[in-house]
């Protein structure tokens, strides 16, 4: 058997076979950061961006992204997500918004990629809605904070 699960013995890419894996409750939490000009930050938190309520649209985009992760990441299994939530933590001192996602399922594979995709697309949506006033925004620190469930057990980096 190949050392890397996403490659067969001949080195060709493949989707990992999860047929025999047990069904468990799984959860993942991920985060990302977007840094903006202070004027842009104020426009977002005061809901003065002409395209609409940026954080509400970004939340919807993040939820949709989590649900469609397997269409974007080639070796991701399509899974039945049971819950997705997106949280925003505005930091006026830094003119930045921390984005956090929590994704849950009961299944044979984890939801880490779904959580990471959710925060990434939420950050990209903020950028898209504000690019006409601030092209210097920076998206950074996309990371898995926690995961639970499955054979590999729990992982906890800490929360934002």
Protein backbone atom coordinates (compact mmCIF):
# COMPACT_ATOMS: atom_id res chain seq x y z
CA UNK A 1 0.00 0.00 0.00
CA UNK A 2 1.18 3.51 -0.77
CA UNK A 3 2.63 5.63 2.05
CA UNK A 4 0.43 8.53 0.98
CA UNK A 5 -3.28 7.71 1.10
CA UNK A 6 -4.15 9.89 -1.90
CA UNK A 7 -1.82 7.95 -4.20
CA UNK A 8 -1.95 4.32 -5.26
CA UNK A 9 1.07 1.96 -5.35
CA UNK A 10 2.03 3.30 -8.78
CA UNK A 11 1.93 6.91 -7.57
CA UNK A 12 -1.30 7.83 -9.33
CA UNK A 13 -3.78 10.08 -7.50
CA UNK A 14 -6.89 8.50 -6.04
CA UNK A 15 -9.65 9.24 -3.58
CA UNK A 16 -9.13 7.41 -0.29
CA UNK A 17 -11.49 4.46 0.18
CA UNK A 18 -13.51 5.09 3.35
CA UNK A 19 -15.97 2.24 2.79
CA UNK A 20 -14.88 0.29 5.88
CA UNK A 21 -14.42 3.27 8.22
CA UNK A 22 -16.77 3.65 11.14
CA UNK A 23 -19.36 6.39 11.41
CA UNK A 24 -18.57 8.90 14.19
CA UNK A 25 -19.56 12.41 15.21
CA UNK A 26 -17.01 14.82 13.76
CA UNK A 27 -16.38 18.53 14.17
CA UNK A 28 -13.79 20.99 12.89
CA UNK A 29 -13.12 24.63 13.71
CA UNK A 30 -11.00 26.81 11.41
CA UNK A 31 -10.05 30.47 11.29
CA UNK A 32 -8.78 33.14 8.93
CA UNK A 33 -7.92 36.83 9.21
CA UNK A 34 -8.57 39.76 6.90
CA UNK A 35 -6.77 43.04 7.50
CA UNK A 36 -8.18 46.26 6.06
CA UNK A 37 -7.71 49.99 6.05
CA UNK A 38 -9.33 51.52 9.13
CA UNK A 39 -11.85 53.34 6.90
CA UNK A 40 -12.87 50.07 5.26
CA UNK A 41 -13.12 48.35 8.64
CA UNK A 42 -15.46 51.12 9.88
CA UNK A 43 -17.61 50.89 6.74
CA UNK A 44 -18.07 47.16 7.35
CA UNK A 45 -18.93 47.32 11.04
CA UNK A 46 -21.20 50.34 10.52
CA UNK A 47 -22.88 48.55 7.57
CA UNK A 48 -22.12 51.38 5.13
CA UNK A 49 -20.71 49.34 2.24
CA UNK A 50 -22.79 50.03 -0.88
CA UNK A 51 -22.99 46.34 -1.85
CA UNK A 52 -24.80 45.45 1.39
CA UNK A 53 -24.15 43.96 4.82
CA UNK A 54 -20.70 42.53 4.18
CA UNK A 55 -20.55 40.17 7.15
CA UNK A 56 -23.99 38.68 6.56
CA UNK A 57 -23.20 38.02 2.90
CA UNK A 58 -19.78 36.57 3.86
CA UNK A 59 -21.47 34.28 6.38
CA UNK A 60 -23.83 32.91 3.74
CA UNK A 61 -20.93 32.49 1.30
CA UNK A 62 -18.91 30.59 3.91
CA UNK A 63 -21.79 28.25 4.66
CA UNK A 64 -22.34 27.58 0.96
CA UNK A 65 -18.61 26.99 0.47
CA UNK A 66 -18.51 24.38 3.25
CA UNK A 67 -21.37 22.54 1.57
CA UNK A 68 -19.59 22.54 -1.81
CA UNK A 69 -16.04 21.73 -0.72
CA UNK A 70 -15.93 18.39 -2.52
CA UNK A 71 -16.58 20.22 -5.79
CA UNK A 72 -13.48 22.38 -5.25
CA UNK A 73 -10.93 20.04 -3.64
CA UNK A 74 -10.35 17.05 -5.93
CA UNK A 75 -9.83 14.30 -3.33
CA UNK A 76 -12.47 15.49 -0.83
CA UNK A 77 -15.40 13.18 -0.29
CA UNK A 78 -18.89 14.64 -0.66
CA UNK A 79 -20.30 14.43 2.85
CA UNK A 80 -23.52 15.13 4.61
CA UNK A 81 -22.86 18.20 6.75
CA UNK A 82 -25.15 18.48 9.76
CA UNK A 83 -24.20 22.02 10.87
CA UNK A 84 -22.14 25.01 9.73
CA UNK A 85 -21.71 28.31 11.49
CA UNK A 86 -19.49 31.29 10.78
CA UNK A 87 -18.43 33.85 13.39
CA UNK A 88 -16.76 37.22 12.91
CA UNK A 89 -14.53 38.83 15.51
CA UNK A 90 -13.87 42.48 14.48
CA UNK A 91 -10.72 44.00 15.99
CA UNK A 92 -10.87 47.81 15.72
CA UNK A 93 -7.35 48.26 17.10
CA UNK A 94 -5.87 46.20 14.27
CA UNK A 95 -8.50 47.08 11.62
CA UNK A 96 -8.90 43.36 11.09
CA UNK A 97 -11.65 40.78 11.22
CA UNK A 98 -11.00 37.27 12.47
CA UNK A 99 -13.28 34.71 10.86
CA UNK A 100 -14.11 31.41 12.52
CA UNK A 101 -16.08 28.46 11.18
CA UNK A 102 -17.49 25.43 12.95
CA UNK A 103 -18.61 22.47 10.86
CA UNK A 104 -20.19 19.22 12.07
CA UNK A 105 -21.17 15.89 10.60
CA UNK A 106 -21.85 12.31 11.57
CA UNK A 107 -19.97 10.25 9.05
CA UNK A 108 -16.92 8.31 7.90
CA UNK A 109 -14.61 11.25 7.20
CA UNK A 110 -13.84 14.57 8.83
CA UNK A 111 -14.88 18.11 8.03
CA UNK A 112 -11.52 19.91 8.31
CA UNK A 113 -11.48 20.87 4.64
CA UNK A 114 -15.05 22.13 4.84
CA UNK A 115 -14.19 24.36 7.81
CA UNK A 116 -11.06 25.70 6.09
CA UNK A 117 -12.96 26.32 2.85
CA UNK A 118 -15.70 28.14 4.74
CA UNK A 119 -13.35 30.72 6.31
CA UNK A 120 -11.42 31.13 3.06
CA UNK A 121 -14.51 31.90 1.01
CA UNK A 122 -15.94 34.16 3.74
CA UNK A 123 -12.69 36.18 3.65
CA UNK A 124 -12.73 36.28 -0.16
CA UNK A 125 -16.32 37.53 -0.06
CA UNK A 126 -15.34 40.38 2.26
CA UNK A 127 -12.54 41.24 -0.17
CA UNK A 128 -14.89 41.11 -3.15
CA UNK A 129 -17.49 43.35 -1.54
CA UNK A 130 -14.92 45.95 -0.43
CA UNK A 131 -12.35 45.91 -3.24
CA UNK A 132 -13.73 49.09 -4.79
CA UNK A 133 -12.62 51.05 -1.70
CA UNK A 134 -9.62 48.99 -0.51
CA UNK A 135 -7.52 46.84 -2.82
CA UNK A 136 -4.83 46.48 -0.15
CA UNK A 137 -6.75 44.07 2.06
CA UNK A 138 -4.74 41.04 3.19
CA UNK A 139 -6.19 37.60 3.85
CA UNK A 140 -3.95 35.55 6.15
CA UNK A 141 -3.65 32.95 8.87
CA UNK A 142 -5.99 30.35 7.43
CA UNK A 143 -5.66 27.48 9.89
CA UNK A 144 -7.34 24.52 11.51
CA UNK A 145 -7.97 25.25 15.18
CA UNK A 146 -9.70 22.05 16.30
CA UNK A 147 -10.96 18.76 15.04
CA UNK A 148 -12.64 15.89 16.83
CA UNK A 149 -13.89 12.46 15.90
CA UNK A 150 -12.58 9.67 13.81
CA UNK A 151 -9.71 7.23 14.21
CA UNK A 152 -7.04 9.92 14.47
CA UNK A 153 -8.75 11.47 17.49
CA UNK A 154 -8.73 15.09 18.56
CA UNK A 155 -6.55 18.03 17.60
CA UNK A 156 -6.64 21.40 19.39
CA UNK A 157 -4.46 24.34 18.40
CA UNK A 158 -6.52 26.85 20.41
CA UNK A 159 -9.25 29.36 19.57
CA UNK A 160 -9.16 32.94 18.39
